[in-house]
Amino acid sequence: MLNAFRIIGDTSRNLSILIMLYRLRCKGDGSNVSLKTQQLYCLVYVTRYLDLWTSFYSTYNSIMKIAYITSALYICHMLHIPSGNLRSSVNPSGDVFKRSFVIVPSLIIAFLCTKNDSFYVF
């Protein structure tokens, strides 16, 4: 079901993705963009939208889910294998965040707080 808050939220998220893609692709500026954070976004989208393959809610919903997953994968690809001007602005040594500090507690809380036995608890 569509409502104004969902449309505003999706629009703002899509706008932020487009701004990031413009910055990475056209300006070649990858400074202050964390590859590890983008990988976590990708993990969240892939695990959160697993129902894309089992349930159909609406065309809008399916398109948004696919757009979020593909944009996260594309941004990760651009940051992981930088080319052109982007190569000089990406600084992997400055990205010191440990993903395990987020993933491990999330898994533990997800398994403790769920009422069913399936893996789809993220």
C-alpha atoms as a PDB file:
ATOM      1  CA  MET A   1       0.000   0.000   0.000  1.00  0.00           C
ATOM      2  CA  LEU A   2       1.370   3.379  -0.967  1.00  0.00           C
ATOM      3  CA  ASN A   3       1.237   6.337   1.323  1.00  0.00           C
ATOM      4  CA  ALA A   4       2.835   9.764   1.308  1.00  0.00           C
ATOM      5  CA  PHE A   5       5.506   8.893   3.875  1.00  0.00           C
ATOM      6  CA  ARG A   6       6.695   5.888   1.907  1.00  0.00           C
ATOM      7  CA  ILE A   7       6.855   7.844  -1.340  1.00  0.00           C
ATOM      8  CA  ILE A   8       8.735  10.708   0.352  1.00  0.00           C
ATOM      9  CA  GLY A   9      11.148   8.220   1.963  1.00  0.00           C
ATOM     10  CA  ASP A  10      11.758   6.359  -1.293  1.00  0.00           C
ATOM     11  CA  THR A  11      12.212   9.609  -3.186  1.00  0.00           C
ATOM     12  CA  SER A  12      14.753  10.947  -0.702  1.00  0.00           C
ATOM     13  CA  ARG A  13      16.681   7.650  -0.719  1.00  0.00           C
ATOM     14  CA  ASN A  14      16.683   7.552  -4.525  1.00  0.00           C
ATOM     15  CA  LEU A  15      17.839  11.162  -4.643  1.00  0.00           C
ATOM     16  CA  SER A  16      20.709  10.402  -2.270  1.00  0.00           C
ATOM     17  CA  ILE A  17      21.731   7.418  -4.414  1.00  0.00           C
ATOM     18  CA  LEU A  18      21.680   9.568  -7.555  1.00  0.00           C
ATOM     19  CA  ILE A  19      23.775  12.254  -5.867  1.00  0.00           C
ATOM     20  CA  MET A  20      26.313   9.655  -4.741  1.00  0.00           C
ATOM     21  CA  LEU A  21      26.449   8.076  -8.204  1.00  0.00           C
ATOM     22  CA  TYR A  22      26.897  11.514  -9.792  1.00  0.00           C
ATOM     23  CA  ARG A  23      29.676  12.326  -7.375  1.00  0.00           C
ATOM     24  CA  LEU A  24      31.451   9.015  -7.937  1.00  0.00           C
ATOM     25  CA  ARG A  25      30.860   8.673 -11.660  1.00  0.00           C
ATOM     26  CA  CYS A  26      30.940  12.221 -13.062  1.00  0.00           C
ATOM     27  CA  LYS A  27      33.115  14.105 -10.606  1.00  0.00           C
ATOM     28  CA  GLY A  28      35.369  11.157  -9.751  1.00  0.00           C
ATOM     29  CA  ASP A  29      35.292  12.050  -6.064  1.00  0.00           C
ATOM     30  CA  GLY A  30      35.180   9.102  -3.687  1.00  0.00           C
ATOM     31  CA  SER A  31      36.525  10.876  -0.639  1.00  0.00           C
ATOM     32  CA  ASN A  32      34.491  10.454   2.535  1.00  0.00           C
ATOM     33  CA  VAL A  33      32.603   7.476   1.073  1.00  0.00           C
ATOM     34  CA  SER A  34      33.166   4.281   3.022  1.00  0.00           C
ATOM     35  CA  LEU A  35      33.311   1.022   1.067  1.00  0.00           C
ATOM     36  CA  LYS A  36      32.594  -0.951   4.236  1.00  0.00           C
ATOM     37  CA  THR A  37      29.461   1.083   4.958  1.00  0.00           C
ATOM     38  CA  GLN A  38      28.264   0.570   1.392  1.00  0.00           C
ATOM     39  CA  GLN A  39      28.901  -3.172   1.764  1.00  0.00           C
ATOM     40  CA  LEU A  40      26.763  -3.164   4.913  1.00  0.00           C
ATOM     41  CA  TYR A  41      23.991  -1.379   2.981  1.00  0.00           C
ATOM     42  CA  CYS A  42      24.248  -4.090   0.351  1.00  0.00           C
ATOM     43  CA  LEU A  43      24.058  -6.833   2.981  1.00  0.00           C
ATOM     44  CA  VAL A  44      21.017  -5.206   4.587  1.00  0.00           C
ATOM     45  CA  TYR A  45      19.200  -4.806   1.269  1.00  0.00           C
ATOM     46  CA  VAL A  46      19.918  -8.353   0.096  1.00  0.00           C
ATOM     47  CA  THR A  47      18.839  -9.954   3.382  1.00  0.00           C
ATOM     48  CA  ARG A  48      15.896  -7.627   3.933  1.00  0.00           C
ATOM     49  CA  TYR A  49      14.491  -8.083   0.450  1.00  0.00           C
ATOM     50  CA  LEU A  50      14.695 -11.884   0.251  1.00  0.00           C
ATOM     51  CA  ASP A  51      10.904 -11.895  -0.035  1.00  0.00           C
ATOM     52  CA  LEU A  52      11.331 -10.396  -3.503  1.00  0.00           C
ATOM     53  CA  TRP A  53      11.734 -13.958  -4.831  1.00  0.00           C
ATOM     54  CA  THR A  54       8.865 -15.507  -2.858  1.00  0.00           C
ATOM     55  CA  SER A  55       6.107 -12.892  -2.578  1.00  0.00           C
ATOM     56  CA  PHE A  56       4.705 -10.230  -4.881  1.00  0.00           C
ATOM     57  CA  TYR A  57       3.226  -7.135  -3.280  1.00  0.00           C
ATOM     58  CA  SER A  58       3.242  -4.546  -6.046  1.00  0.00           C
ATOM     59  CA  THR A  59       5.233  -3.517  -9.086  1.00  0.00           C
ATOM     60  CA  TYR A  60       6.372  -0.355  -7.311  1.00  0.00           C
ATOM     61  CA  ASN A  61       7.635  -2.368  -4.339  1.00  0.00           C
ATOM     62  CA  SER A  62       9.523  -4.831  -6.547  1.00  0.00           C
ATOM     63  CA  ILE A  63      11.116  -2.067  -8.631  1.00  0.00           C
ATOM     64  CA  MET A  64      12.280  -0.197  -5.509  1.00  0.00           C
ATOM     65  CA  LYS A  65      13.786  -3.347  -3.997  1.00  0.00           C
ATOM     66  CA  ILE A  66      15.641  -4.207  -7.199  1.00  0.00           C
ATOM     67  CA  ALA A  67      16.814  -0.585  -7.563  1.00  0.00           C
ATOM     68  CA  TYR A  68      18.184  -0.492  -4.008  1.00  0.00           C
ATOM     69  CA  ILE A  69      20.029  -3.805  -4.371  1.00  0.00           C
ATOM     70  CA  THR A  70      21.531  -2.982  -7.778  1.00  0.00           C
ATOM     71  CA  SER A  71      22.550   0.543  -6.779  1.00  0.00           C
ATOM     72  CA  ALA A  72      24.258  -0.751  -3.624  1.00  0.00           C
ATOM     73  CA  LEU A  73      26.085  -3.411  -5.641  1.00  0.00           C
ATOM     74  CA  TYR A  74      27.121  -0.863  -8.278  1.00  0.00           C
ATOM     75  CA  ILE A  75      28.437   1.612  -5.690  1.00  0.00           C
ATOM     76  CA  CYS A  76      30.395  -1.199  -3.984  1.00  0.00           C
ATOM     77  CA  HIS A  77      31.835  -2.202  -7.352  1.00  0.00           C
ATOM     78  CA  MET A  78      32.855   1.380  -8.143  1.00  0.00           C
ATOM     79  CA  LEU A  79      34.573   1.798  -4.782  1.00  0.00           C
ATOM     80  CA  HIS A  80      36.175  -1.654  -4.770  1.00  0.00           C
ATOM     81  CA  ILE A  81      37.624  -1.336  -8.269  1.00  0.00           C
ATOM     82  CA  PRO A  82      38.094   2.419  -8.774  1.00  0.00           C
ATOM     83  CA  SER A  83      39.068   3.693 -12.196  1.00  0.00           C
ATOM     84  CA  GLY A  84      40.037   7.031 -13.706  1.00  0.00           C
ATOM     85  CA  ASN A  85      39.801  10.053 -11.406  1.00  0.00           C
ATOM     86  CA  LEU A  86      38.048   7.989  -8.756  1.00  0.00           C
ATOM     87  CA  ARG A  87      41.207   5.935  -8.158  1.00  0.00           C
ATOM     88  CA  SER A  88      43.094   8.877  -6.659  1.00  0.00           C
ATOM     89  CA  SER A  89      40.276   9.912  -4.305  1.00  0.00           C
ATOM     90  CA  VAL A  90      39.433   6.512  -2.777  1.00  0.00           C
ATOM     91  CA  ASN A  91      41.443   5.883   0.397  1.00  0.00           C
ATOM     92  CA  PRO A  92      41.015   2.300   1.668  1.00  0.00           C
ATOM     93  CA  SER A  93      43.492   2.818   4.514  1.00  0.00           C
ATOM     94  CA  GLY A  94      41.214   5.495   5.979  1.00  0.00           C
ATOM     95  CA  ASP A  95      38.292   3.068   6.160  1.00  0.00           C
ATOM     96  CA  VAL A  96      39.093   1.442   9.517  1.00  0.00           C
ATOM     97  CA  PHE A  97      35.548   0.548  10.610  1.00  0.00           C
ATOM     98  CA  LYS A  98      35.223  -3.118  11.636  1.00  0.00           C
ATOM     99  CA  ARG A  99      32.072  -4.616  10.130  1.00  0.00           C
ATOM    100  CA  SER A 100      32.020  -7.385  12.711  1.00  0.00           C
ATOM    101  CA  PHE A 101      31.132  -4.789  15.381  1.00  0.00           C
ATOM    102  CA  VAL A 102      27.777  -4.400  13.632  1.00  0.00           C
ATOM    103  CA  ILE A 103      27.135  -7.801  12.055  1.00  0.00           C
ATOM    104  CA  VAL A 104      27.782 -10.068  15.058  1.00  0.00           C
ATOM    105  CA  PRO A 105      25.562  -8.186  17.564  1.00  0.00           C
ATOM    106  CA  SER A 106      22.845  -7.871  14.905  1.00  0.00           C
ATOM    107  CA  LEU A 107      22.853 -11.616  14.315  1.00  0.00           C
ATOM    108  CA  ILE A 108      22.742 -12.363  18.037  1.00  0.00           C
ATOM    109  CA  ILE A 109      19.873  -9.944  18.673  1.00  0.00           C
ATOM    110  CA  ALA A 110      17.991 -11.194  15.603  1.00  0.00           C
ATOM    111  CA  PHE A 111      18.134 -14.809  16.765  1.00  0.00           C
ATOM    112  CA  LEU A 112      17.247 -13.933  20.355  1.00  0.00           C
ATOM    113  CA  CYS A 113      14.297 -11.717  19.463  1.00  0.00           C
ATOM    114  CA  THR A 114      12.628 -13.802  16.759  1.00  0.00           C
ATOM    115  CA  LYS A 115       9.745 -16.152  17.417  1.00  0.00           C
ATOM    116  CA  ASN A 116      10.240 -18.458  14.438  1.00  0.00           C
ATOM    117  CA  ASP A 117      13.066 -20.805  13.534  1.00  0.00           C
ATOM    118  CA  SER A 118      13.805 -19.540  10.037  1.00  0.00           C
ATOM    119  CA  PHE A 119      16.995 -17.771   8.996  1.00  0.00           C
ATOM    120  CA  TYR A 120      14.975 -14.841   7.668  1.00  0.00           C
ATOM    121  CA  VAL A 121      15.296 -12.862  10.896  1.00  0.00           C
ATOM    122  CA  PHE A 122      17.665 -10.107   9.838  1.00  0.00           C
END
